[in-house]
Amino acid sequence: MKSVRHRHDDALSRVTWGAFEHMVAGHFRRQGYRVEHTGTGDGINLTEGGIDFTLHREQELIVVQCKHWNSFQVPHNDVHQLIGVMHTAGATGAIVVSSGEFTTEAIEAAAKFRHIRLIDGKTIRAMLGPVAEPFTEAPPFPTWALAAKPPVRHSRQARMDRASAFAAVAAVIVMSGALVMLYTFYIHEIQQAQMAKLVAAKAHPAVVHEVVAEVEDKKPIAAALKDQ
């Protein structure tokens, strides 16, 4: 890749690739051509087969490739590639448009084919005329204020944090319910044991009284035998 001999610093050099393609297409449309985008200019497709758009007028079919290069020269490889694309598409001509420059080899390669046309940065600027500066929206806050702001968590991370919080709350609720059930069970068992002790304590004195009464009933018999 060879650097440009003269680098343009104007509004056209600062527009996007798609905007540059639309400007070029608009120029040819004003010349009476019907334009069909096949590349990046429509904002949907990537460049297909080295063609950005085609020009149609009567019996003409011209394939066009735009090179929005400001730092490097367009090499001869691109010219040869477009020649092959032109023959494959059955086109009557081909145009390579650059916002910068072409290498000497590219210019020589195109000179060998009368159906190939190269349009460099100076020529396209003359064809398009004055170009407005691309609009760039100013940031609502100073750069230092934006840098000082804490980073915003990704939505996925926020969802994960919320899920973790819900899981922790659910675990606490389950543990609390289990503790309540265990506490209720043990309280019930303790109460049952206490009731059993009370019943046993109440039943034991009755047995003692019965034994004493039985002994007392037999005491006169013993005394009678002794007297005899």
C-alpha atoms as a PDB file:
ATOM      1  CA  MET A   1       0.000   0.000   0.000  1.00  0.00           C
ATOM      2  CA  LYS A   2       1.396   3.361  -1.069  1.00  0.00           C
ATOM      3  CA  SER A   3       0.582   6.557   0.802  1.00  0.00           C
ATOM      4  CA  VAL A   4      -1.109   9.366  -1.089  1.00  0.00           C
ATOM      5  CA  ARG A   5       1.070  12.178  -2.385  1.00  0.00           C
ATOM      6  CA  HIS A   6      -1.501  14.758  -1.291  1.00  0.00           C
ATOM      7  CA  ARG A   7      -3.975  14.057   1.443  1.00  0.00           C
ATOM      8  CA  HIS A   8      -7.241  15.982   1.269  1.00  0.00           C
ATOM      9  CA  ASP A   9      -8.554  17.570   4.437  1.00  0.00           C
ATOM     10  CA  ASP A  10     -12.061  18.755   3.670  1.00  0.00           C
ATOM     11  CA  ALA A  11     -15.695  17.847   4.239  1.00  0.00           C
ATOM     12  CA  LEU A  12     -15.667  15.078   1.612  1.00  0.00           C
ATOM     13  CA  SER A  13     -12.744  13.364   3.324  1.00  0.00           C
ATOM     14  CA  ARG A  14     -14.725  13.286   6.578  1.00  0.00           C
ATOM     15  CA  VAL A  15     -17.988  11.797   5.332  1.00  0.00           C
ATOM     16  CA  THR A  16     -18.713   8.118   5.860  1.00  0.00           C
ATOM     17  CA  TRP A  17     -18.120   5.449   3.228  1.00  0.00           C
ATOM     18  CA  GLY A  18     -21.845   5.050   2.635  1.00  0.00           C
ATOM     19  CA  ALA A  19     -22.367   8.805   2.330  1.00  0.00           C
ATOM     20  CA  PHE A  20     -19.547   9.039  -0.219  1.00  0.00           C
ATOM     21  CA  GLU A  21     -21.112   6.259  -2.280  1.00  0.00           C
ATOM     22  CA  HIS A  22     -24.516   7.971  -2.231  1.00  0.00           C
ATOM     23  CA  MET A  23     -22.981  11.274  -3.303  1.00  0.00           C
ATOM     24  CA  VAL A  24     -21.316   9.617  -6.281  1.00  0.00           C
ATOM     25  CA  ALA A  25     -24.523   7.743  -7.140  1.00  0.00           C
ATOM     26  CA  GLY A  26     -26.495  10.984  -6.901  1.00  0.00           C
ATOM     27  CA  HIS A  27     -24.162  12.664  -9.376  1.00  0.00           C
ATOM     28  CA  PHE A  28     -24.699   9.947 -11.978  1.00  0.00           C
ATOM     29  CA  ARG A  29     -28.427   9.967 -11.303  1.00  0.00           C
ATOM     30  CA  ARG A  30     -28.473  13.632 -12.194  1.00  0.00           C
ATOM     31  CA  GLN A  31     -26.733  12.690 -15.449  1.00  0.00           C
ATOM     32  CA  GLY A  32     -29.761  10.609 -16.420  1.00  0.00           C
ATOM     33  CA  TYR A  33     -28.628   7.185 -15.210  1.00  0.00           C
ATOM     34  CA  ARG A  34     -30.787   4.778 -13.265  1.00  0.00           C
ATOM     35  CA  VAL A  35     -28.808   3.674 -10.227  1.00  0.00           C
ATOM     36  CA  GLU A  36     -29.078   0.278  -8.562  1.00  0.00           C
ATOM     37  CA  HIS A  37     -27.153  -0.137  -5.309  1.00  0.00           C
ATOM     38  CA  THR A  38     -25.584  -3.520  -4.689  1.00  0.00           C
ATOM     39  CA  GLY A  39     -23.064  -2.592  -1.982  1.00  0.00           C
ATOM     40  CA  THR A  40     -22.731  -0.592   1.210  1.00  0.00           C
ATOM     41  CA  GLY A  41     -24.610   2.482   0.065  1.00  0.00           C
ATOM     42  CA  ASP A  42     -28.053   1.072   0.851  1.00  0.00           C
ATOM     43  CA  GLY A  43     -26.964   0.423   4.460  1.00  0.00           C
ATOM     44  CA  ILE A  44     -27.885  -3.281   4.256  1.00  0.00           C
ATOM     45  CA  ASN A  45     -25.531  -5.303   2.061  1.00  0.00           C
ATOM     46  CA  LEU A  46     -21.779  -5.482   2.005  1.00  0.00           C
ATOM     47  CA  THR A  47     -19.978  -4.914  -1.283  1.00  0.00           C
ATOM     48  CA  GLU A  48     -20.879  -7.773  -3.630  1.00  0.00           C
ATOM     49  CA  GLY A  49     -18.320  -8.869  -6.230  1.00  0.00           C
ATOM     50  CA  GLY A  50     -16.422  -5.580  -6.115  1.00  0.00           C
ATOM     51  CA  ILE A  51     -19.461  -3.569  -7.272  1.00  0.00           C
ATOM     52  CA  ASP A  52     -21.091  -0.832  -5.201  1.00  0.00           C
ATOM     53  CA  PHE A  53     -23.789   0.110  -7.717  1.00  0.00           C
ATOM     54  CA  THR A  54     -24.642  -0.187 -11.397  1.00  0.00           C
ATOM     55  CA  LEU A  55     -25.656   2.512 -13.882  1.00  0.00           C
ATOM     56  CA  HIS A  56     -28.359   1.892 -16.485  1.00  0.00           C
ATOM     57  CA  ARG A  57     -29.215   4.137 -19.420  1.00  0.00           C
ATOM     58  CA  GLU A  58     -30.538   2.869 -22.757  1.00  0.00           C
ATOM     59  CA  GLN A  59     -28.067   0.145 -23.827  1.00  0.00           C
ATOM     60  CA  GLU A  60     -25.447   1.082 -21.234  1.00  0.00           C
ATOM     61  CA  LEU A  61     -24.668  -1.032 -18.193  1.00  0.00           C
ATOM     62  CA  ILE A  62     -21.791   0.340 -16.142  1.00  0.00           C
ATOM     63  CA  VAL A  63     -20.438  -1.204 -12.954  1.00  0.00           C
ATOM     64  CA  VAL A  64     -19.104   1.254 -10.367  1.00  0.00           C
ATOM     65  CA  GLN A  65     -16.786   0.724  -7.448  1.00  0.00           C
ATOM     66  CA  CYS A  66     -16.188   3.472  -4.862  1.00  0.00           C
ATOM     67  CA  LYS A  67     -12.947   3.735  -2.885  1.00  0.00           C
ATOM     68  CA  HIS A  68     -13.243   6.220  -0.055  1.00  0.00           C
ATOM     69  CA  TRP A  69      -9.508   6.143   0.634  1.00  0.00           C
ATOM     70  CA  ASN A  70      -7.799   9.262   1.931  1.00  0.00           C
ATOM     71  CA  SER A  71      -4.499   7.865   3.186  1.00  0.00           C
ATOM     72  CA  PHE A  72      -3.490   5.243   0.606  1.00  0.00           C
ATOM     73  CA  GLN A  73      -3.499   5.064  -3.182  1.00  0.00           C
ATOM     74  CA  VAL A  74      -5.797   2.621  -4.945  1.00  0.00           C
ATOM     75  CA  PRO A  75      -3.565  -0.123  -6.440  1.00  0.00           C
ATOM     76  CA  HIS A  76      -3.772  -1.745  -9.863  1.00  0.00           C
ATOM     77  CA  ASN A  77      -5.213  -4.945  -8.335  1.00  0.00           C
ATOM     78  CA  ASP A  78      -8.557  -3.227  -7.868  1.00  0.00           C
ATOM     79  CA  VAL A  79      -8.566  -2.134 -11.497  1.00  0.00           C
ATOM     80  CA  HIS A  80      -7.881  -5.664 -12.725  1.00  0.00           C
ATOM     81  CA  GLN A  81     -10.548  -7.056 -10.392  1.00  0.00           C
ATOM     82  CA  LEU A  82     -13.165  -4.670 -11.766  1.00  0.00           C
ATOM     83  CA  ILE A  83     -12.238  -5.614 -15.323  1.00  0.00           C
ATOM     84  CA  GLY A  84     -13.067  -9.232 -14.531  1.00  0.00           C
ATOM     85  CA  VAL A  85     -16.314  -8.207 -12.826  1.00  0.00           C
ATOM     86  CA  MET A  86     -17.280  -6.122 -15.839  1.00  0.00           C
ATOM     87  CA  HIS A  87     -16.893  -9.069 -18.215  1.00  0.00           C
ATOM     88  CA  THR A  88     -18.714 -11.423 -15.830  1.00  0.00           C
ATOM     89  CA  ALA A  89     -21.682  -9.026 -15.510  1.00  0.00           C
ATOM     90  CA  GLY A  90     -21.765  -8.383 -19.256  1.00  0.00           C
ATOM     91  CA  ALA A  91     -21.353  -4.658 -18.619  1.00  0.00           C
ATOM     92  CA  THR A  92     -20.470  -2.124 -21.281  1.00  0.00           C
ATOM     93  CA  GLY A  93     -18.162  -0.186 -18.977  1.00  0.00           C
ATOM     94  CA  ALA A  94     -16.648   0.147 -15.507  1.00  0.00           C
ATOM     95  CA  ILE A  95     -15.758   3.077 -13.266  1.00  0.00           C
ATOM     96  CA  VAL A  96     -13.533   3.225 -10.194  1.00  0.00           C
ATOM     97  CA  VAL A  97     -14.095   6.337  -8.082  1.00  0.00           C
ATOM     98  CA  SER A  98     -11.621   7.299  -5.363  1.00  0.00           C
ATOM     99  CA  SER A  99     -11.725  10.178  -2.916  1.00  0.00           C
ATOM    100  CA  GLY A 100      -7.921  10.038  -2.969  1.00  0.00           C
ATOM    101  CA  GLU A 101      -5.405   8.866  -5.575  1.00  0.00           C
ATOM    102  CA  PHE A 102      -4.494   5.924  -7.830  1.00  0.00           C
ATOM    103  CA  THR A 103      -1.069   4.380  -8.177  1.00  0.00           C
ATOM    104  CA  THR A 104       0.793   4.830 -11.427  1.00  0.00           C
ATOM    105  CA  GLU A 105       0.356   1.104 -12.121  1.00  0.00           C
ATOM    106  CA  ALA A 106      -3.416   1.410 -11.704  1.00  0.00           C
ATOM    107  CA  ILE A 107      -3.559   4.318 -14.151  1.00  0.00           C
ATOM    108  CA  GLU A 108      -1.474   2.388 -16.685  1.00  0.00           C
ATOM    109  CA  ALA A 109      -3.657  -0.722 -16.302  1.00  0.00           C
ATOM    110  CA  ALA A 110      -6.829   1.274 -16.924  1.00  0.00           C
ATOM    111  CA  ALA A 111      -5.297   2.984 -19.962  1.00  0.00           C
ATOM    112  CA  LYS A 112      -5.095  -0.394 -21.715  1.00  0.00           C
ATOM    113  CA  PHE A 113      -8.887  -0.801 -21.611  1.00  0.00           C
ATOM    114  CA  ARG A 114     -11.006   1.924 -23.174  1.00  0.00           C
ATOM    115  CA  HIS A 115     -14.088   0.817 -21.220  1.00  0.00           C
ATOM    116  CA  ILE A 116     -12.417   1.456 -17.846  1.00  0.00           C
ATOM    117  CA  ARG A 117     -12.578   4.931 -16.311  1.00  0.00           C
ATOM    118  CA  LEU A 118     -10.727   6.125 -13.208  1.00  0.00           C
ATOM    119  CA  ILE A 119     -12.007   9.140 -11.241  1.00  0.00           C
ATOM    120  CA  ASP A 120      -9.599  10.427  -8.596  1.00  0.00           C
ATOM    121  CA  GLY A 121     -10.163  12.731  -5.628  1.00  0.00           C
ATOM    122  CA  LYS A 122      -9.639  16.007  -7.496  1.00  0.00           C
ATOM    123  CA  THR A 123     -11.980  14.994 -10.312  1.00  0.00           C
ATOM    124  CA  ILE A 124     -14.778  13.771  -8.070  1.00  0.00           C
ATOM    125  CA  ARG A 125     -14.611  16.961  -6.017  1.00  0.00           C
ATOM    126  CA  ALA A 126     -15.053  18.981  -9.162  1.00  0.00           C
ATOM    127  CA  MET A 127     -17.983  16.768 -10.188  1.00  0.00           C
ATOM    128  CA  LEU A 128     -19.761  16.913  -6.814  1.00  0.00           C
ATOM    129  CA  GLY A 129     -19.148  20.575  -6.059  1.00  0.00           C
ATOM    130  CA  PRO A 130     -19.251  21.935  -2.498  1.00  0.00           C
ATOM    131  CA  VAL A 131     -19.920  19.300   0.157  1.00  0.00           C
ATOM    132  CA  ALA A 132     -21.404  20.178   3.551  1.00  0.00           C
ATOM    133  CA  GLU A 133     -19.550  19.186   6.669  1.00  0.00           C
ATOM    134  CA  PRO A 134     -20.905  15.957   8.157  1.00  0.00           C
ATOM    135  CA  PHE A 135     -22.974  16.569  11.255  1.00  0.00           C
ATOM    136  CA  THR A 136     -21.452  15.300  14.474  1.00  0.00           C
ATOM    137  CA  GLU A 137     -23.567  15.500  17.604  1.00  0.00           C
ATOM    138  CA  ALA A 138     -21.745  17.116  20.526  1.00  0.00           C
ATOM    139  CA  PRO A 139     -21.699  15.141  23.768  1.00  0.00           C
ATOM    140  CA  PRO A 140     -24.235  16.421  26.347  1.00  0.00           C
ATOM    141  CA  PHE A 141     -21.548  16.545  29.044  1.00  0.00           C
ATOM    142  CA  PRO A 142     -17.861  17.458  29.024  1.00  0.00           C
ATOM    143  CA  THR A 143     -15.450  14.621  28.418  1.00  0.00           C
ATOM    144  CA  TRP A 144     -14.053  14.836  31.929  1.00  0.00           C
ATOM    145  CA  ALA A 145     -17.558  14.530  33.392  1.00  0.00           C
ATOM    146  CA  LEU A 146     -18.270  11.450  31.314  1.00  0.00           C
ATOM    147  CA  ALA A 147     -14.975   9.915  32.379  1.00  0.00           C
ATOM    148  CA  ALA A 148     -15.780  10.543  36.034  1.00  0.00           C
ATOM    149  CA  LYS A 149     -19.135   8.807  35.859  1.00  0.00           C
ATOM    150  CA  PRO A 150     -19.105   5.256  37.174  1.00  0.00           C
ATOM    151  CA  PRO A 151     -19.427   2.610  34.495  1.00  0.00           C
ATOM    152  CA  VAL A 152     -22.954   1.404  33.858  1.00  0.00           C
ATOM    153  CA  ARG A 153     -23.431  -2.276  34.419  1.00  0.00           C
ATOM    154  CA  HIS A 154     -24.436  -4.377  31.503  1.00  0.00           C
ATOM    155  CA  SER A 155     -28.104  -5.296  31.452  1.00  0.00           C
ATOM    156  CA  ARG A 156     -27.208  -8.994  31.567  1.00  0.00           C
ATOM    157  CA  GLN A 157     -25.110  -8.438  34.690  1.00  0.00           C
ATOM    158  CA  ALA A 158     -27.967  -6.497  36.263  1.00  0.00           C
ATOM    159  CA  ARG A 159     -30.367  -9.369  35.569  1.00  0.00           C
ATOM    160  CA  MET A 160     -27.898 -11.812  37.108  1.00  0.00           C
ATOM    161  CA  ASP A 161     -27.621  -9.611  40.213  1.00  0.00           C
ATOM    162  CA  ARG A 162     -31.403  -9.473  40.575  1.00  0.00           C
ATOM    163  CA  ALA A 163     -31.678 -13.237  40.147  1.00  0.00           C
ATOM    164  CA  SER A 164     -29.022 -13.774  42.828  1.00  0.00           C
ATOM    165  CA  ALA A 165     -30.870 -11.456  45.203  1.00  0.00           C
ATOM    166  CA  PHE A 166     -34.174 -13.289  44.641  1.00  0.00           C
ATOM    167  CA  ALA A 167     -32.450 -16.633  45.200  1.00  0.00           C
ATOM    168  CA  ALA A 168     -30.943 -15.405  48.472  1.00  0.00           C
ATOM    169  CA  VAL A 169     -34.330 -14.143  49.702  1.00  0.00           C
ATOM    170  CA  ALA A 170     -35.987 -17.427  48.733  1.00  0.00           C
ATOM    171  CA  ALA A 171     -33.296 -19.386  50.599  1.00  0.00           C
ATOM    172  CA  VAL A 172     -33.836 -17.300  53.736  1.00  0.00           C
ATOM    173  CA  ILE A 173     -37.602 -17.865  53.554  1.00  0.00           C
ATOM    174  CA  VAL A 174     -37.182 -21.632  53.139  1.00  0.00           C
ATOM    175  CA  MET A 175     -34.725 -21.845  56.031  1.00  0.00           C
ATOM    176  CA  SER A 176     -37.038 -19.783  58.240  1.00  0.00           C
ATOM    177  CA  GLY A 177     -39.981 -22.062  57.440  1.00  0.00           C
ATOM    178  CA  ALA A 178     -37.902 -25.159  58.213  1.00  0.00           C
ATOM    179  CA  LEU A 179     -36.802 -23.716  61.549  1.00  0.00           C
ATOM    180  CA  VAL A 180     -40.396 -22.901  62.474  1.00  0.00           C
ATOM    181  CA  MET A 181     -41.499 -26.444  61.630  1.00  0.00           C
ATOM    182  CA  LEU A 182     -38.657 -27.976  63.683  1.00  0.00           C
ATOM    183  CA  TYR A 183     -39.376 -25.668  66.593  1.00  0.00           C
ATOM    184  CA  THR A 184     -43.094 -26.562  66.494  1.00  0.00           C
ATOM    185  CA  PHE A 185     -42.281 -30.294  66.374  1.00  0.00           C
ATOM    186  CA  TYR A 186     -39.911 -30.175  69.320  1.00  0.00           C
ATOM    187  CA  ILE A 187     -42.314 -28.042  71.382  1.00  0.00           C
ATOM    188  CA  HIS A 188     -45.043 -30.618  70.715  1.00  0.00           C
ATOM    189  CA  GLU A 189     -42.767 -33.481  71.763  1.00  0.00           C
ATOM    190  CA  ILE A 190     -41.745 -31.654  74.938  1.00  0.00           C
ATOM    191  CA  GLN A 191     -45.384 -31.004  75.809  1.00  0.00           C
ATOM    192  CA  GLN A 192     -46.235 -34.677  75.216  1.00  0.00           C
ATOM    193  CA  ALA A 193     -43.382 -35.764  77.504  1.00  0.00           C
ATOM    194  CA  GLN A 194     -44.503 -33.349  80.211  1.00  0.00           C
ATOM    195  CA  MET A 195     -48.072 -34.593  79.983  1.00  0.00           C
ATOM    196  CA  ALA A 196     -46.861 -38.195  80.297  1.00  0.00           C
ATOM    197  CA  LYS A 197     -44.916 -37.334  83.443  1.00  0.00           C
ATOM    198  CA  LEU A 198     -47.919 -35.602  84.962  1.00  0.00           C
ATOM    199  CA  VAL A 199     -50.139 -38.598  84.251  1.00  0.00           C
ATOM    200  CA  ALA A 200     -47.572 -40.971  85.754  1.00  0.00           C
ATOM    201  CA  ALA A 201     -47.227 -38.789  88.854  1.00  0.00           C
ATOM    202  CA  LYS A 202     -50.971 -38.717  89.364  1.00  0.00           C
ATOM    203  CA  ALA A 203     -51.339 -42.488  88.903  1.00  0.00           C
ATOM    204  CA  HIS A 204     -48.566 -43.536  91.372  1.00  0.00           C
ATOM    205  CA  PRO A 205     -50.185 -42.232  94.645  1.00  0.00           C
ATOM    206  CA  ALA A 206     -53.312 -44.252  93.935  1.00  0.00           C
ATOM    207  CA  VAL A 207     -51.319 -47.474  93.810  1.00  0.00           C
ATOM    208  CA  VAL A 208     -49.615 -46.654  97.124  1.00  0.00           C
ATOM    209  CA  HIS A 209     -52.935 -46.011  98.784  1.00  0.00           C
ATOM    210  CA  GLU A 210     -54.291 -49.331  97.597  1.00  0.00           C
ATOM    211  CA  VAL A 211     -51.293 -51.243  99.008  1.00  0.00           C
ATOM    212  CA  VAL A 212     -51.531 -49.477 102.356  1.00  0.00           C
ATOM    213  CA  ALA A 213     -55.214 -50.218 102.549  1.00  0.00           C
ATOM    214  CA  GLU A 214     -54.612 -53.866 101.850  1.00  0.00           C
ATOM    215  CA  VAL A 215     -51.973 -54.105 104.585  1.00  0.00           C
ATOM    216  CA  GLU A 216     -54.231 -52.408 107.067  1.00  0.00           C
ATOM    217  CA  ASP A 217     -57.002 -54.864 106.263  1.00  0.00           C
ATOM    218  CA  LYS A 218     -54.726 -57.834 107.043  1.00  0.00           C
ATOM    219  CA  LYS A 219     -53.327 -56.305 110.290  1.00  0.00           C
ATOM    220  CA  PRO A 220     -56.166 -57.554 112.603  1.00  0.00           C
ATOM    221  CA  ILE A 221     -55.630 -61.120 111.397  1.00  0.00           C
ATOM    222  CA  ALA A 222     -51.973 -61.002 112.362  1.00  0.00           C
ATOM    223  CA  ALA A 223     -52.811 -59.486 115.672  1.00  0.00           C
ATOM    224  CA  ALA A 224     -55.382 -62.235 116.326  1.00  0.00           C
ATOM    225  CA  LEU A 225     -52.864 -64.960 115.647  1.00  0.00           C
ATOM    226  CA  LYS A 226     -50.439 -63.304 118.006  1.00  0.00           C
ATOM    227  CA  ASP A 227     -53.072 -63.143 120.701  1.00  0.00           C
ATOM    228  CA  GLN A 228     -53.762 -66.839 120.300  1.00  0.00           C
END
